[in-house]
Amino acid sequence: MARTTSGRAHRGSGGPAVDDASGSPARSTAITVRRTRRYAFAAGALWAAQALIWTLAPKVQAAEPPSAITDRPLFTVFWFAIIGAVACSAAAVLGLLRQQRALDGRVSGPARAAGFAALAVLLLSGVAAAAVVVAALGVAEDLGLAALSPALNASGLLLLATLGTSAVALRRRGGVLPGRWAALPTALAVLTLLTLGAIAASGSTATYGLVLAVVVVAVHGVTWALLGWTQSPRTVSHLRKRGDSNPRSLS
C-alpha cells in the first residue's frame, strides 16, 4: 500500500502526466511559429512576384470595359498571386497574435480587433478566389469580374487595418518581436498602403508609374521575408525562455 501511494505521488508531482500537460502548449506554440514563418515567407514571395508579373507578363484583360479576359490561364495566375499575398499576410499576422496571446495569457483589445480583421481578410480572399475561378472558367465571367474587384479591394483595406492594429498589439515589452523588429508591423502597414496605390499605378502607361510600383512591391516582399526570418526557431526559443522567466521584463 505504501509503495502504491508513493508511486502515485511521484507521477502526480513530476511524472509523465505533468510533462505531457506542460509540453502540449509548447508543441502548439512551436507549430504556430512554423506556420507563421511559412506564411510570412510566402507573403514576401507573392508580393515580390508582382514586380515580375507587371513587367514581364502580357495583359490578361482588355483595356476597354467590361475588361474581358484575353488570357484565362495567366488571368488566374495573376489574380491568385495577389489574393495569395493578401491571405498569407493575414495568416502570418494571426500567427503572431496567437504567439503574443500565449506569452501574455490574455487577449488585448487591439489584438482582438486585429484578429477579427485578419479573419475577415481571409474570408474576403476566399470570395475573391471564387470569383476568379468563376470568371476564368467562363461560367459567369461578368459576375466573377464584378465580384472580384470589391472583394479584393475590401480585403486589401482590411489587411491595412489588421496590420495597423496589430502594430499596437505587438509593440510592447515582452512581445514576440523583440527590439527594433517590433517596428515591422508598422512598416508593413505603410508598405501595404503604398502597395495598394502601386497596384493602381501598375496599369498606367507611364514608365515612372510602373517603376514606382515595382520598387514598392519589391521592398514589401523583402520586409515580409524579414518578418519570416524573425520567426526562426533559435529566435523564438530564446524569446520563450526569457518570457517564461519574466515576460514583462523583456526590453
C-alpha atoms as a PDB file:
ATOM      1  CA  MET A   1       0.000   0.000   0.000  1.00  0.00           C
ATOM      2  CA  ALA A   2       2.849   2.354   0.882  1.00  0.00           C
ATOM      3  CA  ARG A   3       4.583   1.611  -2.390  1.00  0.00           C
ATOM      4  CA  THR A   4       1.423   2.250  -4.398  1.00  0.00           C
ATOM      5  CA  THR A   5       0.804   5.595  -2.699  1.00  0.00           C
ATOM      6  CA  SER A   6       4.397   6.647  -3.271  1.00  0.00           C
ATOM      7  CA  GLY A   7       4.210   5.756  -6.940  1.00  0.00           C
ATOM      8  CA  ARG A   8       1.066   7.772  -7.467  1.00  0.00           C
ATOM      9  CA  ALA A   9       2.583  10.750  -5.693  1.00  0.00           C
ATOM     10  CA  HIS A  10       5.664  10.518  -7.881  1.00  0.00           C
ATOM     11  CA  ARG A  11       3.628  10.512 -11.070  1.00  0.00           C
ATOM     12  CA  GLY A  12       1.421  13.332  -9.857  1.00  0.00           C
ATOM     13  CA  SER A  13       4.268  15.596  -8.760  1.00  0.00           C
ATOM     14  CA  GLY A  14       6.793  15.185 -11.545  1.00  0.00           C
ATOM     15  CA  GLY A  15       5.916  12.228 -13.736  1.00  0.00           C
ATOM     16  CA  PRO A  16       4.814  11.916 -17.343  1.00  0.00           C
ATOM     17  CA  ALA A  17       1.328  13.304 -16.690  1.00  0.00           C
ATOM     18  CA  VAL A  18       2.751  16.685 -15.686  1.00  0.00           C
ATOM     19  CA  ASP A  19       5.286  16.682 -18.505  1.00  0.00           C
ATOM     20  CA  ASP A  20       2.580  15.968 -21.070  1.00  0.00           C
ATOM     21  CA  ALA A  21       0.372  18.742 -19.738  1.00  0.00           C
ATOM     22  CA  SER A  22       3.169  21.292 -19.846  1.00  0.00           C
ATOM     23  CA  GLY A  23       4.500  20.056 -23.163  1.00  0.00           C
ATOM     24  CA  SER A  24       1.238  20.405 -25.066  1.00  0.00           C
ATOM     25  CA  PRO A  25       1.184  24.246 -25.091  1.00  0.00           C
ATOM     26  CA  ALA A  26       4.855  24.266 -26.107  1.00  0.00           C
ATOM     27  CA  ARG A  27       4.156  21.984 -29.060  1.00  0.00           C
ATOM     28  CA  SER A  28       1.177  24.118 -30.045  1.00  0.00           C
ATOM     29  CA  THR A  29       3.294  27.265 -29.928  1.00  0.00           C
ATOM     30  CA  ALA A  30       6.047  25.610 -31.973  1.00  0.00           C
ATOM     31  CA  ILE A  31       3.526  24.671 -34.650  1.00  0.00           C
ATOM     32  CA  THR A  32       2.191  28.243 -34.681  1.00  0.00           C
ATOM     33  CA  VAL A  33       5.715  29.622 -35.053  1.00  0.00           C
ATOM     34  CA  ARG A  34       6.477  27.335 -38.006  1.00  0.00           C
ATOM     35  CA  ARG A  35       3.223  28.277 -39.729  1.00  0.00           C
ATOM     36  CA  THR A  36       3.810  31.974 -39.118  1.00  0.00           C
ATOM     37  CA  ARG A  37       7.267  31.680 -40.635  1.00  0.00           C
ATOM     38  CA  ARG A  38       5.929  29.878 -43.717  1.00  0.00           C
ATOM     39  CA  TYR A  39       3.086  32.325 -44.228  1.00  0.00           C
ATOM     40  CA  ALA A  40       5.421  35.311 -43.873  1.00  0.00           C
ATOM     41  CA  PHE A  41       7.892  33.932 -46.422  1.00  0.00           C
ATOM     42  CA  ALA A  42       5.035  33.010 -48.782  1.00  0.00           C
ATOM     43  CA  ALA A  43       3.609  36.521 -48.483  1.00  0.00           C
ATOM     44  CA  GLY A  44       7.015  38.010 -49.226  1.00  0.00           C
ATOM     45  CA  ALA A  45       7.491  35.837 -52.310  1.00  0.00           C
ATOM     46  CA  LEU A  46       4.000  36.568 -53.641  1.00  0.00           C
ATOM     47  CA  TRP A  47       4.254  40.316 -53.092  1.00  0.00           C
ATOM     48  CA  ALA A  48       7.661  40.429 -54.774  1.00  0.00           C
ATOM     49  CA  ALA A  49       6.322  38.290 -57.638  1.00  0.00           C
ATOM     50  CA  GLN A  50       4.012  41.148 -58.589  1.00  0.00           C
ATOM     51  CA  ALA A  51       7.058  43.026 -59.871  1.00  0.00           C
ATOM     52  CA  LEU A  52       7.824  40.231 -62.345  1.00  0.00           C
ATOM     53  CA  ILE A  53       4.197  39.871 -63.371  1.00  0.00           C
ATOM     54  CA  TRP A  54       3.784  43.567 -64.053  1.00  0.00           C
ATOM     55  CA  THR A  55       6.997  43.881 -66.052  1.00  0.00           C
ATOM     56  CA  LEU A  56       7.113  40.578 -67.953  1.00  0.00           C
ATOM     57  CA  ALA A  57       3.609  39.159 -68.247  1.00  0.00           C
ATOM     58  CA  PRO A  58       1.289  40.230 -71.078  1.00  0.00           C
ATOM     59  CA  LYS A  59      -2.068  41.858 -70.415  1.00  0.00           C
ATOM     60  CA  VAL A  60      -4.687  39.384 -69.253  1.00  0.00           C
ATOM     61  CA  GLN A  61      -7.721  41.630 -69.682  1.00  0.00           C
ATOM     62  CA  ALA A  62      -8.915  44.028 -72.343  1.00  0.00           C
ATOM     63  CA  ALA A  63      -8.233  47.685 -71.657  1.00  0.00           C
ATOM     64  CA  GLU A  64     -11.751  48.766 -72.582  1.00  0.00           C
ATOM     65  CA  PRO A  65     -14.763  47.988 -70.361  1.00  0.00           C
ATOM     66  CA  PRO A  66     -16.052  45.443 -69.498  1.00  0.00           C
ATOM     67  CA  SER A  67     -12.389  44.315 -69.355  1.00  0.00           C
ATOM     68  CA  ALA A  68     -12.999  40.928 -70.936  1.00  0.00           C
ATOM     69  CA  ILE A  69     -10.460  38.206 -70.173  1.00  0.00           C
ATOM     70  CA  THR A  70      -7.973  37.736 -73.005  1.00  0.00           C
ATOM     71  CA  ASP A  71      -5.744  35.036 -71.445  1.00  0.00           C
ATOM     72  CA  ARG A  72      -7.564  32.816 -68.971  1.00  0.00           C
ATOM     73  CA  PRO A  73      -4.579  30.823 -67.573  1.00  0.00           C
ATOM     74  CA  LEU A  74      -2.496  33.940 -66.978  1.00  0.00           C
ATOM     75  CA  PHE A  75      -5.547  35.752 -65.615  1.00  0.00           C
ATOM     76  CA  THR A  76      -5.879  33.025 -62.986  1.00  0.00           C
ATOM     77  CA  VAL A  77      -2.176  33.110 -62.091  1.00  0.00           C
ATOM     78  CA  PHE A  78      -2.101  36.905 -61.885  1.00  0.00           C
ATOM     79  CA  TRP A  79      -5.083  37.301 -59.576  1.00  0.00           C
ATOM     80  CA  PHE A  80      -4.309  34.236 -57.464  1.00  0.00           C
ATOM     81  CA  ALA A  81      -0.856  35.693 -56.789  1.00  0.00           C
ATOM     82  CA  ILE A  82      -2.393  38.889 -55.408  1.00  0.00           C
ATOM     83  CA  ILE A  83      -5.088  37.051 -53.453  1.00  0.00           C
ATOM     84  CA  GLY A  84      -2.493  34.637 -52.061  1.00  0.00           C
ATOM     85  CA  ALA A  85      -0.254  37.523 -50.974  1.00  0.00           C
ATOM     86  CA  VAL A  86      -3.114  39.167 -49.099  1.00  0.00           C
ATOM     87  CA  ALA A  87      -4.285  35.909 -47.493  1.00  0.00           C
ATOM     88  CA  CYS A  88      -0.783  34.796 -46.441  1.00  0.00           C
ATOM     89  CA  SER A  89      -0.141  38.228 -44.939  1.00  0.00           C
ATOM     90  CA  ALA A  90      -3.287  37.987 -42.825  1.00  0.00           C
ATOM     91  CA  ALA A  91      -2.456  34.410 -41.781  1.00  0.00           C
ATOM     92  CA  ALA A  92       1.046  35.470 -40.682  1.00  0.00           C
ATOM     93  CA  VAL A  93      -0.395  38.263 -38.539  1.00  0.00           C
ATOM     94  CA  LEU A  94      -2.813  35.784 -36.939  1.00  0.00           C
ATOM     95  CA  GLY A  95       0.170  33.594 -36.065  1.00  0.00           C
ATOM     96  CA  LEU A  96       1.954  36.485 -34.370  1.00  0.00           C
ATOM     97  CA  LEU A  97      -1.177  37.366 -32.412  1.00  0.00           C
ATOM     98  CA  ARG A  98      -1.540  33.759 -31.206  1.00  0.00           C
ATOM     99  CA  GLN A  99       2.068  33.771 -30.013  1.00  0.00           C
ATOM    100  CA  GLN A 100       1.501  37.041 -28.166  1.00  0.00           C
ATOM    101  CA  ARG A 101      -1.594  35.596 -26.510  1.00  0.00           C
ATOM    102  CA  ALA A 102       0.437  32.577 -25.392  1.00  0.00           C
ATOM    103  CA  LEU A 103       3.032  34.877 -23.806  1.00  0.00           C
ATOM    104  CA  ASP A 104       0.550  37.217 -22.113  1.00  0.00           C
ATOM    105  CA  GLY A 105      -2.088  34.665 -21.174  1.00  0.00           C
ATOM    106  CA  ARG A 106      -4.778  37.086 -22.325  1.00  0.00           C
ATOM    107  CA  VAL A 107      -6.003  38.959 -25.409  1.00  0.00           C
ATOM    108  CA  SER A 108      -5.762  42.751 -25.506  1.00  0.00           C
ATOM    109  CA  GLY A 109      -8.318  44.969 -27.225  1.00  0.00           C
ATOM    110  CA  PRO A 110      -6.091  45.827 -30.232  1.00  0.00           C
ATOM    111  CA  ALA A 111      -5.127  42.158 -30.594  1.00  0.00           C
ATOM    112  CA  ARG A 112      -8.778  41.108 -30.637  1.00  0.00           C
ATOM    113  CA  ALA A 113      -9.607  43.770 -33.248  1.00  0.00           C
ATOM    114  CA  ALA A 114      -6.633  42.734 -35.377  1.00  0.00           C
ATOM    115  CA  GLY A 115      -7.676  39.080 -35.144  1.00  0.00           C
ATOM    116  CA  PHE A 116     -11.219  39.786 -36.307  1.00  0.00           C
ATOM    117  CA  ALA A 117      -9.926  41.954 -39.166  1.00  0.00           C
ATOM    118  CA  ALA A 118      -7.482  39.225 -40.244  1.00  0.00           C
ATOM    119  CA  LEU A 119     -10.265  36.628 -40.281  1.00  0.00           C
ATOM    120  CA  ALA A 120     -12.357  38.985 -42.423  1.00  0.00           C
ATOM    121  CA  VAL A 121      -9.415  39.317 -44.814  1.00  0.00           C
ATOM    122  CA  LEU A 122      -9.245  35.538 -45.181  1.00  0.00           C
ATOM    123  CA  LEU A 123     -12.993  35.345 -45.784  1.00  0.00           C
ATOM    124  CA  LEU A 124     -12.937  38.045 -48.462  1.00  0.00           C
ATOM    125  CA  SER A 125      -9.862  36.462 -50.041  1.00  0.00           C
ATOM    126  CA  GLY A 126     -11.882  33.260 -50.387  1.00  0.00           C
ATOM    127  CA  VAL A 127     -14.690  35.212 -52.074  1.00  0.00           C
ATOM    128  CA  ALA A 128     -12.191  36.827 -54.443  1.00  0.00           C
ATOM    129  CA  ALA A 129     -10.642  33.441 -55.254  1.00  0.00           C
ATOM    130  CA  ALA A 130     -14.069  32.004 -56.037  1.00  0.00           C
ATOM    131  CA  ALA A 131     -14.764  34.992 -58.297  1.00  0.00           C
ATOM    132  CA  VAL A 132     -11.503  34.360 -60.181  1.00  0.00           C
ATOM    133  CA  VAL A 133     -12.403  30.700 -60.725  1.00  0.00           C
ATOM    134  CA  VAL A 134     -15.906  31.536 -61.943  1.00  0.00           C
ATOM    135  CA  ALA A 135     -14.589  34.199 -64.316  1.00  0.00           C
ATOM    136  CA  ALA A 136     -11.670  32.113 -65.602  1.00  0.00           C
ATOM    137  CA  LEU A 137     -13.876  29.113 -66.360  1.00  0.00           C
ATOM    138  CA  GLY A 138     -16.285  31.320 -68.264  1.00  0.00           C
ATOM    139  CA  VAL A 139     -19.221  30.055 -66.201  1.00  0.00           C
ATOM    140  CA  ALA A 140     -20.263  33.588 -65.265  1.00  0.00           C
ATOM    141  CA  GLU A 141     -17.455  35.842 -66.395  1.00  0.00           C
ATOM    142  CA  ASP A 142     -19.293  39.132 -65.925  1.00  0.00           C
ATOM    143  CA  LEU A 143     -20.462  38.155 -62.442  1.00  0.00           C
ATOM    144  CA  GLY A 144     -17.000  36.964 -61.445  1.00  0.00           C
ATOM    145  CA  LEU A 145     -15.317  40.141 -62.634  1.00  0.00           C
ATOM    146  CA  ALA A 146     -17.967  42.252 -60.910  1.00  0.00           C
ATOM    147  CA  ALA A 147     -17.393  40.467 -57.587  1.00  0.00           C
ATOM    148  CA  LEU A 148     -13.595  40.278 -57.837  1.00  0.00           C
ATOM    149  CA  SER A 149     -12.750  43.953 -57.566  1.00  0.00           C
ATOM    150  CA  PRO A 150     -14.902  44.813 -54.500  1.00  0.00           C
ATOM    151  CA  ALA A 151     -13.838  41.682 -52.611  1.00  0.00           C
ATOM    152  CA  LEU A 152     -10.142  42.235 -53.296  1.00  0.00           C
ATOM    153  CA  ASN A 153     -10.283  45.957 -52.536  1.00  0.00           C
ATOM    154  CA  ALA A 154     -12.090  45.297 -49.260  1.00  0.00           C
ATOM    155  CA  SER A 155      -9.608  42.589 -48.271  1.00  0.00           C
ATOM    156  CA  GLY A 156      -6.709  44.947 -49.020  1.00  0.00           C
ATOM    157  CA  LEU A 157      -8.174  47.709 -46.859  1.00  0.00           C
ATOM    158  CA  LEU A 158      -8.911  45.241 -44.053  1.00  0.00           C
ATOM    159  CA  LEU A 159      -5.332  43.956 -44.270  1.00  0.00           C
ATOM    160  CA  LEU A 160      -4.176  47.530 -43.791  1.00  0.00           C
ATOM    161  CA  ALA A 161      -6.413  47.778 -40.708  1.00  0.00           C
ATOM    162  CA  THR A 162      -5.124  44.404 -39.478  1.00  0.00           C
ATOM    163  CA  LEU A 163      -1.501  45.497 -39.666  1.00  0.00           C
ATOM    164  CA  GLY A 164      -2.247  48.865 -38.094  1.00  0.00           C
ATOM    165  CA  THR A 165      -3.998  47.393 -35.058  1.00  0.00           C
ATOM    166  CA  SER A 166      -1.522  44.521 -34.740  1.00  0.00           C
ATOM    167  CA  ALA A 167       1.307  47.066 -34.662  1.00  0.00           C
ATOM    168  CA  VAL A 168      -0.270  48.447 -31.480  1.00  0.00           C
ATOM    169  CA  ALA A 169      -0.916  44.976 -30.036  1.00  0.00           C
ATOM    170  CA  LEU A 170       2.574  43.622 -30.712  1.00  0.00           C
ATOM    171  CA  ARG A 171       4.688  46.699 -29.964  1.00  0.00           C
ATOM    172  CA  ARG A 172       5.139  46.052 -26.270  1.00  0.00           C
ATOM    173  CA  ARG A 173       7.670  44.768 -23.778  1.00  0.00           C
ATOM    174  CA  GLY A 174       7.771  41.015 -23.748  1.00  0.00           C
ATOM    175  CA  GLY A 175       6.343  40.780 -27.254  1.00  0.00           C
ATOM    176  CA  VAL A 176       7.015  38.186 -29.904  1.00  0.00           C
ATOM    177  CA  LEU A 177       9.005  40.716 -31.956  1.00  0.00           C
ATOM    178  CA  PRO A 178      11.992  41.862 -29.878  1.00  0.00           C
ATOM    179  CA  GLY A 179      13.751  45.220 -30.013  1.00  0.00           C
ATOM    180  CA  ARG A 180      13.778  47.018 -33.320  1.00  0.00           C
ATOM    181  CA  TRP A 181      11.868  44.178 -35.003  1.00  0.00           C
ATOM    182  CA  ALA A 182       8.755  45.348 -33.165  1.00  0.00           C
ATOM    183  CA  ALA A 183       8.536  48.106 -35.800  1.00  0.00           C
ATOM    184  CA  LEU A 184       7.947  45.571 -38.598  1.00  0.00           C
ATOM    185  CA  PRO A 185       4.114  45.551 -38.390  1.00  0.00           C
ATOM    186  CA  THR A 186       4.097  49.354 -38.649  1.00  0.00           C
ATOM    187  CA  ALA A 187       6.451  49.249 -41.628  1.00  0.00           C
ATOM    188  CA  LEU A 188       4.283  46.592 -43.274  1.00  0.00           C
ATOM    189  CA  ALA A 189       1.169  48.716 -42.729  1.00  0.00           C
ATOM    190  CA  VAL A 190       2.827  51.638 -44.528  1.00  0.00           C
ATOM    191  CA  LEU A 191       4.063  49.367 -47.326  1.00  0.00           C
ATOM    192  CA  THR A 192       0.607  47.833 -47.712  1.00  0.00           C
ATOM    193  CA  LEU A 193      -0.861  51.311 -48.176  1.00  0.00           C
ATOM    194  CA  LEU A 194       1.801  52.089 -50.786  1.00  0.00           C
ATOM    195  CA  THR A 195       1.223  48.724 -52.468  1.00  0.00           C
ATOM    196  CA  LEU A 196      -2.499  49.391 -52.850  1.00  0.00           C
ATOM    197  CA  GLY A 197      -1.567  52.558 -54.681  1.00  0.00           C
ATOM    198  CA  ALA A 198       1.125  50.710 -56.630  1.00  0.00           C
ATOM    199  CA  ILE A 199      -1.418  48.178 -57.884  1.00  0.00           C
ATOM    200  CA  ALA A 200      -3.443  51.029 -59.338  1.00  0.00           C
ATOM    201  CA  ALA A 201      -0.314  52.653 -60.767  1.00  0.00           C
ATOM    202  CA  SER A 202       0.824  49.404 -62.396  1.00  0.00           C
ATOM    203  CA  GLY A 203      -1.862  49.764 -65.036  1.00  0.00           C
ATOM    204  CA  SER A 204      -0.567  53.172 -66.033  1.00  0.00           C
ATOM    205  CA  THR A 205       1.143  53.599 -69.378  1.00  0.00           C
ATOM    206  CA  ALA A 206       3.662  55.974 -67.806  1.00  0.00           C
ATOM    207  CA  THR A 207       7.035  54.372 -67.169  1.00  0.00           C
ATOM    208  CA  TYR A 208       7.579  56.085 -63.838  1.00  0.00           C
ATOM    209  CA  GLY A 209       4.296  54.657 -62.521  1.00  0.00           C
ATOM    210  CA  LEU A 210       5.364  51.111 -63.327  1.00  0.00           C
ATOM    211  CA  VAL A 211       8.865  51.630 -61.922  1.00  0.00           C
ATOM    212  CA  LEU A 212       7.432  53.002 -58.668  1.00  0.00           C
ATOM    213  CA  ALA A 213       5.037  50.071 -58.400  1.00  0.00           C
ATOM    214  CA  VAL A 214       7.848  47.552 -58.934  1.00  0.00           C
ATOM    215  CA  VAL A 215      10.061  49.166 -56.292  1.00  0.00           C
ATOM    216  CA  VAL A 216       7.253  49.291 -53.736  1.00  0.00           C
ATOM    217  CA  VAL A 217       6.222  45.640 -54.085  1.00  0.00           C
ATOM    218  CA  ALA A 218       9.856  44.505 -54.072  1.00  0.00           C
ATOM    219  CA  VAL A 219      10.510  46.303 -50.772  1.00  0.00           C
ATOM    220  CA  HIS A 220       7.198  44.973 -49.467  1.00  0.00           C
ATOM    221  CA  GLY A 221       8.248  41.416 -50.262  1.00  0.00           C
ATOM    222  CA  VAL A 222      11.646  41.830 -48.601  1.00  0.00           C
ATOM    223  CA  THR A 223      10.030  43.211 -45.449  1.00  0.00           C
ATOM    224  CA  TRP A 224       7.718  40.205 -45.168  1.00  0.00           C
ATOM    225  CA  ALA A 225      10.761  37.971 -45.615  1.00  0.00           C
ATOM    226  CA  LEU A 226      12.450  39.793 -42.718  1.00  0.00           C
ATOM    227  CA  LEU A 227       9.408  39.088 -40.581  1.00  0.00           C
ATOM    228  CA  GLY A 228       9.681  35.421 -41.517  1.00  0.00           C
ATOM    229  CA  TRP A 229      13.345  35.487 -40.544  1.00  0.00           C
ATOM    230  CA  THR A 230      12.476  36.730 -37.042  1.00  0.00           C
ATOM    231  CA  GLN A 231      10.400  33.577 -36.641  1.00  0.00           C
ATOM    232  CA  SER A 232      13.429  31.308 -36.799  1.00  0.00           C
ATOM    233  CA  PRO A 233      13.422  28.514 -34.162  1.00  0.00           C
ATOM    234  CA  ARG A 234      16.505  29.928 -32.428  1.00  0.00           C
ATOM    235  CA  THR A 235      14.993  33.399 -32.044  1.00  0.00           C
ATOM    236  CA  VAL A 236      11.628  32.129 -30.852  1.00  0.00           C
ATOM    237  CA  SER A 237      13.224  29.661 -28.439  1.00  0.00           C
ATOM    238  CA  HIS A 238      15.284  32.462 -26.922  1.00  0.00           C
ATOM    239  CA  LEU A 239      12.201  34.651 -26.529  1.00  0.00           C
ATOM    240  CA  ARG A 240      10.233  31.806 -24.983  1.00  0.00           C
ATOM    241  CA  LYS A 241      12.925  31.114 -22.368  1.00  0.00           C
ATOM    242  CA  ARG A 242      13.104  34.761 -21.389  1.00  0.00           C
ATOM    243  CA  GLY A 243       9.339  35.111 -21.493  1.00  0.00           C
ATOM    244  CA  ASP A 244       8.819  32.096 -19.234  1.00  0.00           C
ATOM    245  CA  SER A 245      11.052  33.599 -16.575  1.00  0.00           C
ATOM    246  CA  ASN A 246       9.518  37.088 -16.684  1.00  0.00           C
ATOM    247  CA  PRO A 247       7.541  38.038 -19.800  1.00  0.00           C
ATOM    248  CA  ARG A 248       7.053  41.659 -18.814  1.00  0.00           C
ATOM    249  CA  SER A 249      10.705  42.350 -18.120  1.00  0.00           C
ATOM    250  CA  LEU A 250      11.843  41.998 -21.711  1.00  0.00           C
ATOM    251  CA  SER A 251      13.280  45.003 -23.447  1.00  0.00           C
END
